[in-house]
Each structure stands twice: as structure tokens, then as C-alpha cells.
PDB file of N, CA and C in Angstrom:
ATOM      1  N   MET A   1       0.852  -0.942   0.009  1.00  0.00           N
ATOM      2  CA  MET A   1      -0.289   0.561   0.108  1.00  0.00           C
ATOM      3  C   MET A   1       1.056   1.130   0.196  1.00  0.00           C
ATOM      4  N   ARG A   2       2.153   1.186   0.467  1.00  0.00           N
ATOM      5  CA  ARG A   2       2.535   2.686   0.396  1.00  0.00           C
ATOM      6  C   ARG A   2       3.431   2.687  -0.721  1.00  0.00           C
ATOM      7  N   GLN A   3       3.423   1.884  -1.430  1.00  0.00           N
ATOM      8  CA  GLN A   3       3.590   2.407  -2.346  1.00  0.00           C
ATOM      9  C   GLN A   3       2.835   2.903  -3.147  1.00  0.00           C
ATOM     10  N   GLN A   4       2.021   2.826  -2.768  1.00  0.00           N
ATOM     11  CA  GLN A   4       1.044   3.080  -4.171  1.00  0.00           C
ATOM     12  C   GLN A   4       0.019   5.182  -3.522  1.00  0.00           C
ATOM     13  N   VAL A   5       0.694   4.998  -2.071  1.00  0.00           N
ATOM     14  CA  VAL A   5      -0.086   6.180  -1.805  1.00  0.00           C
ATOM     15  C   VAL A   5       1.979   7.918  -1.974  1.00  0.00           C
ATOM     16  N   VAL A   6       1.385   8.759  -2.099  1.00  0.00           N
ATOM     17  CA  VAL A   6       2.519   9.707  -1.930  1.00  0.00           C
ATOM     18  C   VAL A   6       1.535  11.266  -1.424  1.00  0.00           C
ATOM     19  N   ALA A   7       2.655  11.562  -0.366  1.00  0.00           N
ATOM     20  CA  ALA A   7       1.840  12.460   0.054  1.00  0.00           C
ATOM     21  C   ALA A   7       1.834  13.994  -0.695  1.00  0.00           C
ATOM     22  N   GLY A   8       0.685  14.374  -0.342  1.00  0.00           N
ATOM     23  CA  GLY A   8       0.451  15.598  -1.359  1.00  0.00           C
ATOM     24  C   GLY A   8       0.553  17.331  -0.531  1.00  0.00           C
ATOM     25  N   PRO A   9       0.151  17.933  -1.066  1.00  0.00           N
ATOM     26  CA  PRO A   9       0.299  19.059  -0.434  1.00  0.00           C
ATOM     27  C   PRO A   9      -0.831  19.557   0.644  1.00  0.00           C
ATOM     28  N   LEU A  10      -1.025  20.064   1.565  1.00  0.00           N
ATOM     29  CA  LEU A  10      -1.361  20.956   2.833  1.00  0.00           C
ATOM     30  C   LEU A  10      -1.731  21.951   2.742  1.00  0.00           C
ATOM     31  N   GLN A  11      -3.177  22.024   2.341  1.00  0.00           N
ATOM     32  CA  GLN A  11      -3.166  23.021   1.791  1.00  0.00           C
ATOM     33  C   GLN A  11      -4.700  23.598   3.343  1.00  0.00           C
ATOM     34  N   ASP A  12      -4.436  24.782   4.048  1.00  0.00           N
ATOM     35  CA  ASP A  12      -5.506  25.670   4.562  1.00  0.00           C
ATOM     36  C   ASP A  12      -6.098  24.473   5.433  1.00  0.00           C
ATOM     37  N   GLN A  13      -5.255  23.451   6.303  1.00  0.00           N
ATOM     38  CA  GLN A  13      -5.612  22.100   7.284  1.00  0.00           C
ATOM     39  C   GLN A  13      -6.275  21.179   6.656  1.00  0.00           C
ATOM     40  N   GLU A  14      -5.990  20.902   5.649  1.00  0.00           N
ATOM     41  CA  GLU A  14      -6.646  19.794   4.010  1.00  0.00           C
ATOM     42  C   GLU A  14      -5.412  19.005   4.323  1.00  0.00           C
ATOM     43  N   TRP A  15      -5.084  17.924   3.826  1.00  0.00           N
ATOM     44  CA  TRP A  15      -4.073  17.533   3.269  1.00  0.00           C
ATOM     45  C   TRP A  15      -4.527  16.688   2.099  1.00  0.00           C
ATOM     46  N   CYS A  16      -3.900  16.140   1.192  1.00  0.00           N
ATOM     47  CA  CYS A  16      -4.129  15.678  -0.312  1.00  0.00           C
ATOM     48  C   CYS A  16      -3.130  14.598  -0.318  1.00  0.00           C
ATOM     49  N   LEU A  17      -3.634  13.166  -0.549  1.00  0.00           N
ATOM     50  CA  LEU A  17      -2.213  12.112  -0.787  1.00  0.00           C
ATOM     51  C   LEU A  17      -3.412  11.784  -2.020  1.00  0.00           C
ATOM     52  N   LEU A  18      -2.452  11.924  -2.819  1.00  0.00           N
ATOM     53  CA  LEU A  18      -2.214  10.763  -3.982  1.00  0.00           C
ATOM     54  C   LEU A  18      -1.743   9.661  -4.245  1.00  0.00           C
ATOM     55  N   VAL A  19      -2.746   8.550  -4.679  1.00  0.00           N
ATOM     56  CA  VAL A  19      -3.035   7.312  -4.882  1.00  0.00           C
ATOM     57  C   VAL A  19      -2.586   7.317  -6.321  1.00  0.00           C
ATOM     58  N   GLY A  20      -1.714   5.862  -6.677  1.00  0.00           N
ATOM     59  CA  GLY A  20      -1.449   5.440  -7.803  1.00  0.00           C
ATOM     60  C   GLY A  20      -3.317   4.506  -9.037  1.00  0.00           C
ATOM     61  N   SER A  21      -3.813   4.169  -7.663  1.00  0.00           N
ATOM     62  CA  SER A  21      -5.110   3.423  -8.535  1.00  0.00           C
ATOM     63  C   SER A  21      -5.986   3.277  -7.697  1.00  0.00           C
ATOM     64  N   SER A  22      -7.730   2.856  -7.830  1.00  0.00           N
ATOM     65  CA  SER A  22      -8.884   2.810  -7.468  1.00  0.00           C
ATOM     66  C   SER A  22      -8.729   2.462  -6.520  1.00  0.00           C
ATOM     67  N   ALA A  23      -8.269   1.486  -6.489  1.00  0.00           N
ATOM     68  CA  ALA A  23      -8.213   0.068  -5.490  1.00  0.00           C
ATOM     69  C   ALA A  23      -7.327   0.586  -4.503  1.00  0.00           C
ATOM     70  N   ALA A  24      -6.545   1.263  -4.555  1.00  0.00           N
ATOM     71  CA  ALA A  24      -6.056   1.803  -3.190  1.00  0.00           C
ATOM     72  C   ALA A  24      -6.578   3.306  -3.210  1.00  0.00           C
ATOM     73  N   SER A  25      -7.044   3.973  -3.142  1.00  0.00           N
ATOM     74  CA  SER A  25      -8.153   4.858  -2.784  1.00  0.00           C
ATOM     75  C   SER A  25      -8.755   4.414  -2.271  1.00  0.00           C
ATOM     76  N   THR A  26      -9.754   3.149  -2.305  1.00  0.00           N
ATOM     77  CA  THR A  26     -10.606   2.524  -1.841  1.00  0.00           C
ATOM     78  C   THR A  26     -10.418   1.969  -0.424  1.00  0.00           C
ATOM     79  N   LYS A  27      -9.411   1.441  -0.067  1.00  0.00           N
ATOM     80  CA  LYS A  27      -8.356   0.685   0.684  1.00  0.00           C
ATOM     81  C   LYS A  27      -8.412   2.576   1.686  1.00  0.00           C
ATOM     82  N   LEU A  28      -7.427   3.415   1.080  1.00  0.00           N
ATOM     83  CA  LEU A  28      -7.220   3.865   1.820  1.00  0.00           C
ATOM     84  C   LEU A  28      -8.243   4.646   2.665  1.00  0.00           C
ATOM     85  N   ARG A  29      -9.568   4.651   2.278  1.00  0.00           N
ATOM     86  CA  ARG A  29     -10.935   5.513   2.638  1.00  0.00           C
ATOM     87  C   ARG A  29     -11.143   4.749   3.637  1.00  0.00           C
ATOM     88  N   GLN A  30     -10.685   3.070   3.708  1.00  0.00           N
ATOM     89  CA  GLN A  30     -11.463   2.570   4.835  1.00  0.00           C
ATOM     90  C   GLN A  30     -10.420   2.710   6.018  1.00  0.00           C
ATOM     91  N   LEU A  31      -9.377   3.495   5.663  1.00  0.00           N
ATOM     92  CA  LEU A  31      -8.061   3.534   6.782  1.00  0.00           C
ATOM     93  C   LEU A  31      -8.502   5.457   6.953  1.00  0.00           C
ATOM     94  N   LEU A  32      -9.261   6.099   6.550  1.00  0.00           N
ATOM     95  CA  LEU A  32      -9.073   6.797   7.125  1.00  0.00           C
ATOM     96  C   LEU A  32      -9.332   7.674   8.350  1.00  0.00           C
ATOM     97  N   PRO A  33     -10.307   6.627   9.237  1.00  0.00           N
ATOM     98  CA  PRO A  33     -11.019   7.384  10.763  1.00  0.00           C
ATOM     99  C   PRO A  33      -9.111   7.311  11.660  1.00  0.00           C
ATOM    100  N   ALA A  34      -8.197   6.181  11.389  1.00  0.00           N
ATOM    101  CA  ALA A  34      -7.512   5.948  11.335  1.00  0.00           C
ATOM    102  C   ALA A  34      -6.109   6.098  11.413  1.00  0.00           C
ATOM    103  N   ILE A  35      -5.659   7.046  10.570  1.00  0.00           N
ATOM    104  CA  ILE A  35      -5.125   8.190   9.809  1.00  0.00           C
ATOM    105  C   ILE A  35      -5.283   9.393  10.877  1.00  0.00           C
ATOM    106  N   GLN A  36      -6.848   9.902  10.334  1.00  0.00           N
ATOM    107  CA  GLN A  36      -7.275  11.011  11.184  1.00  0.00           C
ATOM    108  C   GLN A  36      -7.022  11.181  12.479  1.00  0.00           C
ATOM    109  N   LEU A  37      -7.408   9.872  13.502  1.00  0.00           N
ATOM    110  CA  LEU A  37      -6.746   9.859  14.681  1.00  0.00           C
ATOM    111  C   LEU A  37      -5.163   9.603  15.024  1.00  0.00           C
ATOM    112  N   ALA A  38      -4.643   9.231  14.614  1.00  0.00           N
ATOM    113  CA  ALA A  38      -2.807   9.268  14.697  1.00  0.00           C
ATOM    114  C   ALA A  38      -2.241  10.629  14.471  1.00  0.00           C
ATOM    115  N   LEU A  39      -3.258  11.073  13.401  1.00  0.00           N
ATOM    116  CA  LEU A  39      -2.718  12.553  12.998  1.00  0.00           C
ATOM    117  C   LEU A  39      -2.594  13.938  14.240  1.00  0.00           C
ATOM    118  N   THR A  40      -4.219  13.751  14.473  1.00  0.00           N
ATOM    119  CA  THR A  40      -4.736  14.281  15.818  1.00  0.00           C
ATOM    120  C   THR A  40      -4.120  13.960  17.207  1.00  0.00           C
ATOM    121  N   GLN A  41      -3.763  12.802  17.471  1.00  0.00           N
ATOM    122  CA  GLN A  41      -3.024  12.325  18.595  1.00  0.00           C
ATOM    123  C   GLN A  41      -1.224  12.770  18.423  1.00  0.00           C
ATOM    124  N   SER A  42      -0.890  12.706  17.352  1.00  0.00           N
ATOM    125  CA  SER A  42       0.396  13.508  17.449  1.00  0.00           C
ATOM    126  C   SER A  42       0.688  14.850  17.177  1.00  0.00           C
ATOM    127  N   GLY A  43      -0.797  15.705  17.312  1.00  0.00           N
ATOM    128  CA  GLY A  43      -0.127  17.327  17.259  1.00  0.00           C
ATOM    129  C   GLY A  43      -0.615  17.971  15.694  1.00  0.00           C
ATOM    130  N   ALA A  44      -0.649  17.183  14.409  1.00  0.00           N
ATOM    131  CA  ALA A  44      -0.605  17.737  13.516  1.00  0.00           C
ATOM    132  C   ALA A  44      -2.406  18.439  13.227  1.00  0.00           C
ATOM    133  N   GLN A  45      -2.229  19.436  13.153  1.00  0.00           N
ATOM    134  CA  GLN A  45      -3.057  20.782  12.362  1.00  0.00           C
ATOM    135  C   GLN A  45      -3.605  20.493  11.058  1.00  0.00           C
ATOM    136  N   VAL A  46      -4.546  18.604  11.081  1.00  0.00           N
ATOM    137  CA  VAL A  46      -5.325  18.656   9.886  1.00  0.00           C
ATOM    138  C   VAL A  46      -6.882  18.087  10.428  1.00  0.00           C
ATOM    139  N   ASN A  47      -7.379  19.155   9.831  1.00  0.00           N
ATOM    140  CA  ASN A  47      -8.390  19.082   9.811  1.00  0.00           C
ATOM    141  C   ASN A  47      -9.881  17.677   8.541  1.00  0.00           C
ATOM    142  N   ALA A  48      -8.984  17.559   7.837  1.00  0.00           N
ATOM    143  CA  ALA A  48      -9.929  17.339   6.071  1.00  0.00           C
ATOM    144  C   ALA A  48      -8.074  16.441   5.666  1.00  0.00           C
ATOM    145  N   ILE A  49      -8.985  14.966   4.891  1.00  0.00           N
ATOM    146  CA  ILE A  49      -7.779  14.241   4.232  1.00  0.00           C
ATOM    147  C   ILE A  49      -8.483  14.474   3.437  1.00  0.00           C
ATOM    148  N   ARG A  50      -7.966  14.500   1.853  1.00  0.00           N
ATOM    149  CA  ARG A  50      -8.018  14.482   0.339  1.00  0.00           C
ATOM    150  C   ARG A  50      -7.370  13.592  -0.159  1.00  0.00           C
ATOM    151  N   ILE A  51      -8.619  12.605  -1.105  1.00  0.00           N
ATOM    152  CA  ILE A  51      -7.764  11.696  -1.592  1.00  0.00           C
ATOM    153  C   ILE A  51      -7.793  11.806  -3.276  1.00  0.00           C
ATOM    154  N   LYS A  52      -6.625  11.994  -3.858  1.00  0.00           N
ATOM    155  CA  LYS A  52      -6.753  11.825  -5.374  1.00  0.00           C
ATOM    156  C   LYS A  52      -6.124  10.638  -6.220  1.00  0.00           C
ATOM    157  N   VAL A  53      -6.902   9.987  -7.067  1.00  0.00           N
ATOM    158  CA  VAL A  53      -6.463   9.293  -8.009  1.00  0.00           C
ATOM    159  C   VAL A  53      -5.299   9.852  -8.846  1.00  0.00           C
ATOM    160  N   GLN A  54      -4.451   9.491  -9.214  1.00  0.00           N
ATOM    161  CA  GLN A  54      -3.417   9.882  -9.997  1.00  0.00           C
ATOM    162  C   GLN A  54      -2.944   8.772 -10.750  1.00  0.00           C
ATOM    163  N   MET A  55      -2.866   8.290 -12.106  1.00  0.00           N
ATOM    164  CA  MET A  55      -2.171   7.316 -12.738  1.00  0.00           C
ATOM    165  C   MET A  55      -0.811   8.334 -13.042  1.00  0.00           C
ATOM    166  N   PRO A  56       0.128   6.690 -13.118  1.00  0.00           N
ATOM    167  CA  PRO A  56       1.213   6.992 -13.436  1.00  0.00           C
ATOM    168  C   PRO A  56       1.318   7.624 -15.065  1.00  0.00           C
ATOM    169  N   GLY A  57       2.407   8.157 -15.201  1.00  0.00           N
ATOM    170  CA  GLY A  57       2.419   8.912 -16.089  1.00  0.00           C
ATOM    171  C   GLY A  57       2.138  10.266 -16.743  1.00  0.00           C
ATOM    172  N   ARG A  58       0.626  10.911 -15.483  1.00  0.00           N
ATOM    173  CA  ARG A  58       0.271  11.782 -15.567  1.00  0.00           C
ATOM    174  C   ARG A  58       0.424  13.131 -14.849  1.00  0.00           C
TER     175      ARG A  58
END
């Protein structure tokens, strides 16, 4: 999974994660509550996480 996800920009407390496939996007959406909780516990100022599918070569 880690190979499919690239950290995108953080703008206005919204973090964008870029993924390489729709399957990875689906799995990542299932993990969003745990990711959000981990970020909050570590003190990160992220209020929302957006996922964008970015096909290789684009």
C-alpha cells in the first residue's frame, strides 16, 4: 500500500494524498478514521484528508 500513496500538498489544514489506483483509493478511504486519529494524537493540524487518484505518467 505504501508504494501506492504519495503525500500531496497541505493547504488550509486539508491534506491531499495522491494514490496510484482506484483500488488503493478505496482501501485508503477505509483507513481514513485511523489516519485522522493518528494525526490528531501526534499534534498535526489536519482537519480533512482528501484522496486523489493519479494514474502513473500523468
